[in-house]
Amino acid sequence: MQSPEQCYLSQSVGQQLLHHFAARDAVRHATPLLPLRLRDIGRFLVALGGRTPNRGHC
């Protein structure tokens, strides 16, 4: 039986790239495009308006 590294190295470069991009796309599709916390959504909308969000500092 071959180790995972040997299997990976025996594949063509095209197959390695297909595997890499499929794994990357799976992560990209699983993560939300907008933050889930209401506070972060508010900061995002304020930043869209061109203002810097007030972070409660001096």
PDB file of N, CA and C in Angstrom:
ATOM      1  N   MET A   1       0.837  -1.183   0.000  1.00  0.00           N
ATOM      2  CA  MET A   1       0.000   0.000   0.000  1.00  0.00           C
ATOM      3  C   MET A   1       0.882   1.247   0.000  1.00  0.00           C
ATOM      4  N   GLN A   2       0.467   2.248  -0.721  1.00  0.00           N
ATOM      5  CA  GLN A   2       1.244   3.483  -0.810  1.00  0.00           C
ATOM      6  C   GLN A   2       0.778   4.476   0.251  1.00  0.00           C
ATOM      7  N   SER A   3       1.720   5.290   0.708  1.00  0.00           N
ATOM      8  CA  SER A   3       1.352   6.343   1.646  1.00  0.00           C
ATOM      9  C   SER A   3       0.640   7.449   0.878  1.00  0.00           C
ATOM     10  N   PRO A   4      -0.083   8.341   1.573  1.00  0.00           N
ATOM     11  CA  PRO A   4      -0.780   9.439   0.877  1.00  0.00           C
ATOM     12  C   PRO A   4       0.163  10.301   0.049  1.00  0.00           C
ATOM     13  N   GLU A   5       1.395  10.527   0.549  1.00  0.00           N
ATOM     14  CA  GLU A   5       2.344  11.342  -0.202  1.00  0.00           C
ATOM     15  C   GLU A   5       2.729  10.670  -1.512  1.00  0.00           C
ATOM     16  N   GLN A   6       2.928   9.341  -1.483  1.00  0.00           N
ATOM     17  CA  GLN A   6       3.302   8.627  -2.690  1.00  0.00           C
ATOM     18  C   GLN A   6       2.167   8.653  -3.707  1.00  0.00           C
ATOM     19  N   CYS A   7       0.948   8.514  -3.232  1.00  0.00           N
ATOM     20  CA  CYS A   7      -0.206   8.583  -4.137  1.00  0.00           C
ATOM     21  C   CYS A   7      -0.304   9.963  -4.762  1.00  0.00           C
ATOM     22  N   TYR A   8      -0.084  10.977  -3.943  1.00  0.00           N
ATOM     23  CA  TYR A   8      -0.163  12.352  -4.432  1.00  0.00           C
ATOM     24  C   TYR A   8       0.905  12.619  -5.482  1.00  0.00           C
ATOM     25  N   LEU A   9       2.119  12.172  -5.211  1.00  0.00           N
ATOM     26  CA  LEU A   9       3.221  12.428  -6.137  1.00  0.00           C
ATOM     27  C   LEU A   9       3.114  11.612  -7.411  1.00  0.00           C
ATOM     28  N   SER A  10       2.398  10.497  -7.362  1.00  0.00           N
ATOM     29  CA  SER A  10       2.246   9.688  -8.572  1.00  0.00           C
ATOM     30  C   SER A  10       1.169  10.242  -9.502  1.00  0.00           C
ATOM     31  N   GLN A  11       0.366  11.190  -9.041  1.00  0.00           N
ATOM     32  CA  GLN A  11      -0.667  11.809  -9.872  1.00  0.00           C
ATOM     33  C   GLN A  11      -0.036  12.847 -10.787  1.00  0.00           C
ATOM     34  N   SER A  12      -0.704  13.099 -11.888  1.00  0.00           N
ATOM     35  CA  SER A  12      -0.242  14.160 -12.782  1.00  0.00           C
ATOM     36  C   SER A  12      -0.498  15.513 -12.131  1.00  0.00           C
ATOM     37  N   VAL A  13       0.177  16.525 -12.623  1.00  0.00           N
ATOM     38  CA  VAL A  13       0.016  17.872 -12.068  1.00  0.00           C
ATOM     39  C   VAL A  13      -1.430  18.337 -12.225  1.00  0.00           C
ATOM     40  N   GLY A  14      -2.051  18.011 -13.340  1.00  0.00           N
ATOM     41  CA  GLY A  14      -3.447  18.395 -13.553  1.00  0.00           C
ATOM     42  C   GLY A  14      -4.372  17.793 -12.515  1.00  0.00           C
ATOM     43  N   GLN A  15      -4.154  16.524 -12.182  1.00  0.00           N
ATOM     44  CA  GLN A  15      -4.980  15.879 -11.162  1.00  0.00           C
ATOM     45  C   GLN A  15      -4.734  16.499  -9.784  1.00  0.00           C
ATOM     46  N   GLN A  16      -3.483  16.838  -9.497  1.00  0.00           N
ATOM     47  CA  GLN A  16      -3.173  17.488  -8.222  1.00  0.00           C
ATOM     48  C   GLN A  16      -3.882  18.838  -8.118  1.00  0.00           C
ATOM     49  N   LEU A  17      -3.872  19.596  -9.211  1.00  0.00           N
ATOM     50  CA  LEU A  17      -4.540  20.898  -9.208  1.00  0.00           C
ATOM     51  C   LEU A  17      -6.047  20.762  -9.073  1.00  0.00           C
ATOM     52  N   LEU A  18      -6.635  19.793  -9.757  1.00  0.00           N
ATOM     53  CA  LEU A  18      -8.078  19.579  -9.634  1.00  0.00           C
ATOM     54  C   LEU A  18      -8.463  19.257  -8.196  1.00  0.00           C
ATOM     55  N   HIS A  19      -7.666  18.419  -7.548  1.00  0.00           N
ATOM     56  CA  HIS A  19      -7.940  18.067  -6.156  1.00  0.00           C
ATOM     57  C   HIS A  19      -7.798  19.298  -5.259  1.00  0.00           C
ATOM     58  N   HIS A  20      -6.757  20.089  -5.474  1.00  0.00           N
ATOM     59  CA  HIS A  20      -6.527  21.293  -4.669  1.00  0.00           C
ATOM     60  C   HIS A  20      -7.679  22.287  -4.814  1.00  0.00           C
ATOM     61  N   PHE A  21      -8.084  22.567  -6.057  1.00  0.00           N
ATOM     62  CA  PHE A  21      -9.141  23.553  -6.281  1.00  0.00           C
ATOM     63  C   PHE A  21     -10.499  23.043  -5.792  1.00  0.00           C
ATOM     64  N   ALA A  22     -10.743  21.745  -5.886  1.00  0.00           N
ATOM     65  CA  ALA A  22     -12.001  21.194  -5.374  1.00  0.00           C
ATOM     66  C   ALA A  22     -12.068  21.364  -3.859  1.00  0.00           C
ATOM     67  N   ALA A  23     -10.958  21.111  -3.177  1.00  0.00           N
ATOM     68  CA  ALA A  23     -10.934  21.276  -1.719  1.00  0.00           C
ATOM     69  C   ALA A  23     -11.088  22.743  -1.340  1.00  0.00           C
ATOM     70  N   ARG A  24     -10.430  23.640  -2.081  1.00  0.00           N
ATOM     71  CA  ARG A  24     -10.538  25.073  -1.804  1.00  0.00           C
ATOM     72  C   ARG A  24     -11.963  25.565  -2.026  1.00  0.00           C
ATOM     73  N   ASP A  25     -12.588  25.138  -3.124  1.00  0.00           N
ATOM     74  CA  ASP A  25     -13.943  25.577  -3.417  1.00  0.00           C
ATOM     75  C   ASP A  25     -14.944  25.051  -2.398  1.00  0.00           C
ATOM     76  N   ALA A  26     -14.708  23.856  -1.868  1.00  0.00           N
ATOM     77  CA  ALA A  26     -15.606  23.317  -0.840  1.00  0.00           C
ATOM     78  C   ALA A  26     -15.590  24.211   0.391  1.00  0.00           C
ATOM     79  N   VAL A  27     -14.418  24.705   0.768  1.00  0.00           N
ATOM     80  CA  VAL A  27     -14.316  25.607   1.920  1.00  0.00           C
ATOM     81  C   VAL A  27     -14.958  26.949   1.598  1.00  0.00           C
ATOM     82  N   ARG A  28     -14.723  27.460   0.411  1.00  0.00           N
ATOM     83  CA  ARG A  28     -15.282  28.765   0.034  1.00  0.00           C
ATOM     84  C   ARG A  28     -16.806  28.731   0.006  1.00  0.00           C
ATOM     85  N   HIS A  29     -17.389  27.630  -0.437  1.00  0.00           N
ATOM     86  CA  HIS A  29     -18.845  27.547  -0.513  1.00  0.00           C
ATOM     87  C   HIS A  29     -19.467  27.283   0.854  1.00  0.00           C
ATOM     88  N   ALA A  30     -18.681  26.790   1.795  1.00  0.00           N
ATOM     89  CA  ALA A  30     -19.206  26.494   3.126  1.00  0.00           C
ATOM     90  C   ALA A  30     -19.160  27.706   4.047  1.00  0.00           C
ATOM     91  N   THR A  31     -18.376  28.729   3.706  1.00  0.00           N
ATOM     92  CA  THR A  31     -18.260  29.898   4.571  1.00  0.00           C
ATOM     93  C   THR A  31     -19.223  30.990   4.110  1.00  0.00           C
ATOM     94  N   PRO A  32     -19.856  31.688   5.044  1.00  0.00           N
ATOM     95  CA  PRO A  32     -20.809  32.736   4.664  1.00  0.00           C
ATOM     96  C   PRO A  32     -20.099  33.946   4.075  1.00  0.00           C
ATOM     97  N   LEU A  33     -20.783  34.653   3.206  1.00  0.00           N
ATOM     98  CA  LEU A  33     -20.218  35.852   2.610  1.00  0.00           C
ATOM     99  C   LEU A  33     -20.324  37.054   3.537  1.00  0.00           C
ATOM    100  N   LEU A  34     -21.305  37.047   4.407  1.00  0.00           N
ATOM    101  CA  LEU A  34     -21.495  38.136   5.365  1.00  0.00           C
ATOM    102  C   LEU A  34     -21.260  37.599   6.766  1.00  0.00           C
ATOM    103  N   PRO A  35     -20.798  38.435   7.671  1.00  0.00           N
ATOM    104  CA  PRO A  35     -20.609  37.986   9.048  1.00  0.00           C
ATOM    105  C   PRO A  35     -21.947  37.612   9.679  1.00  0.00           C
ATOM    106  N   LEU A  36     -21.891  36.706  10.636  1.00  0.00           N
ATOM    107  CA  LEU A  36     -23.115  36.207  11.253  1.00  0.00           C
ATOM    108  C   LEU A  36     -23.552  37.029  12.468  1.00  0.00           C
ATOM    109  N   ARG A  37     -22.642  37.750  13.095  1.00  0.00           N
ATOM    110  CA  ARG A  37     -23.018  38.533  14.273  1.00  0.00           C
ATOM    111  C   ARG A  37     -23.622  39.862  13.847  1.00  0.00           C
ATOM    112  N   LEU A  38     -24.657  40.293  14.509  1.00  0.00           N
ATOM    113  CA  LEU A  38     -25.343  41.543  14.189  1.00  0.00           C
ATOM    114  C   LEU A  38     -24.397  42.732  14.314  1.00  0.00           C
ATOM    115  N   ARG A  39     -23.536  42.707  15.315  1.00  0.00           N
ATOM    116  CA  ARG A  39     -22.577  43.796  15.504  1.00  0.00           C
ATOM    117  C   ARG A  39     -21.643  43.920  14.293  1.00  0.00           C
ATOM    118  N   ASP A  40     -21.174  42.775  13.773  1.00  0.00           N
ATOM    119  CA  ASP A  40     -20.281  42.800  12.617  1.00  0.00           C
ATOM    120  C   ASP A  40     -21.010  43.263  11.359  1.00  0.00           C
ATOM    121  N   ILE A  41     -22.270  42.901  11.234  1.00  0.00           N
ATOM    122  CA  ILE A  41     -23.055  43.352  10.084  1.00  0.00           C
ATOM    123  C   ILE A  41     -23.218  44.865  10.132  1.00  0.00           C
ATOM    124  N   GLY A  42     -23.453  45.425  11.337  1.00  0.00           N
ATOM    125  CA  GLY A  42     -23.566  46.870  11.486  1.00  0.00           C
ATOM    126  C   GLY A  42     -22.281  47.579  11.101  1.00  0.00           C
ATOM    127  N   ARG A  43     -21.143  47.047  11.538  1.00  0.00           N
ATOM    128  CA  ARG A  43     -19.850  47.635  11.171  1.00  0.00           C
ATOM    129  C   ARG A  43     -19.629  47.564   9.659  1.00  0.00           C
ATOM    130  N   PHE A  44     -20.033  46.464   9.065  1.00  0.00           N
ATOM    131  CA  PHE A  44     -19.894  46.291   7.623  1.00  0.00           C
ATOM    132  C   PHE A  44     -20.713  47.337   6.877  1.00  0.00           C
ATOM    133  N   LEU A  45     -21.950  47.566   7.301  1.00  0.00           N
ATOM    134  CA  LEU A  45     -22.807  48.543   6.638  1.00  0.00           C
ATOM    135  C   LEU A  45     -22.287  49.962   6.828  1.00  0.00           C
ATOM    136  N   VAL A  46     -21.756  50.264   8.003  1.00  0.00           N
ATOM    137  CA  VAL A  46     -21.188  51.588   8.250  1.00  0.00           C
ATOM    138  C   VAL A  46     -19.967  51.793   7.345  1.00  0.00           C
ATOM    139  N   ALA A  47     -19.139  50.777   7.210  1.00  0.00           N
ATOM    140  CA  ALA A  47     -17.952  50.879   6.357  1.00  0.00           C
ATOM    141  C   ALA A  47     -18.350  51.048   4.895  1.00  0.00           C
ATOM    142  N   LEU A  48     -19.454  50.443   4.486  1.00  0.00           N
ATOM    143  CA  LEU A  48     -19.928  50.619   3.111  1.00  0.00           C
ATOM    144  C   LEU A  48     -20.313  52.070   2.850  1.00  0.00           C
ATOM    145  N   GLY A  49     -20.793  52.736   3.875  1.00  0.00           N
ATOM    146  CA  GLY A  49     -21.177  54.134   3.751  1.00  0.00           C
ATOM    147  C   GLY A  49     -19.987  55.078   3.693  1.00  0.00           C
ATOM    148  N   GLY A  50     -18.788  54.577   3.902  1.00  0.00           N
ATOM    149  CA  GLY A  50     -17.596  55.404   3.800  1.00  0.00           C
ATOM    150  C   GLY A  50     -17.077  55.907   5.115  1.00  0.00           C
ATOM    151  N   ARG A  51     -17.789  55.655   6.207  1.00  0.00           N
ATOM    152  CA  ARG A  51     -17.319  56.093   7.522  1.00  0.00           C
ATOM    153  C   ARG A  51     -16.539  54.973   8.175  1.00  0.00           C
ATOM    154  N   THR A  52     -15.636  55.349   9.055  1.00  0.00           N
ATOM    155  CA  THR A  52     -14.951  54.321   9.836  1.00  0.00           C
ATOM    156  C   THR A  52     -15.820  54.012  11.036  1.00  0.00           C
ATOM    157  N   PRO A  53     -15.948  52.736  11.375  1.00  0.00           N
ATOM    158  CA  PRO A  53     -16.805  52.385  12.501  1.00  0.00           C
ATOM    159  C   PRO A  53     -16.249  52.877  13.825  1.00  0.00           C
ATOM    160  N   ASN A  54     -17.131  53.309  14.714  1.00  0.00           N
ATOM    161  CA  ASN A  54     -16.748  53.743  16.048  1.00  0.00           C
ATOM    162  C   ASN A  54     -16.510  52.508  16.894  1.00  0.00           C
ATOM    163  N   ARG A  55     -15.292  52.352  17.364  1.00  0.00           N
ATOM    164  CA  ARG A  55     -14.957  51.165  18.138  1.00  0.00           C
ATOM    165  C   ARG A  55     -14.943  51.431  19.646  1.00  0.00           C
ATOM    166  N   GLY A  56     -15.440  52.573  20.060  1.00  0.00           N
ATOM    167  CA  GLY A  56     -15.498  52.870  21.471  1.00  0.00           C
ATOM    168  C   GLY A  56     -14.181  53.317  22.076  1.00  0.00           C
ATOM    169  N   HIS A  57     -13.212  53.661  21.243  1.00  0.00           N
ATOM    170  CA  HIS A  57     -11.931  54.154  21.752  1.00  0.00           C
ATOM    171  C   HIS A  57     -11.940  55.666  21.749  1.00  0.00           C
ATOM    172  N   CYS A  58     -10.901  56.275  22.263  1.00  0.00           N
ATOM    173  CA  CYS A  58     -10.752  57.737  22.363  1.00  0.00           C
ATOM    174  C   CYS A  58     -11.016  58.444  21.072  1.00  0.00           C
TER     175      CYS A  58
END
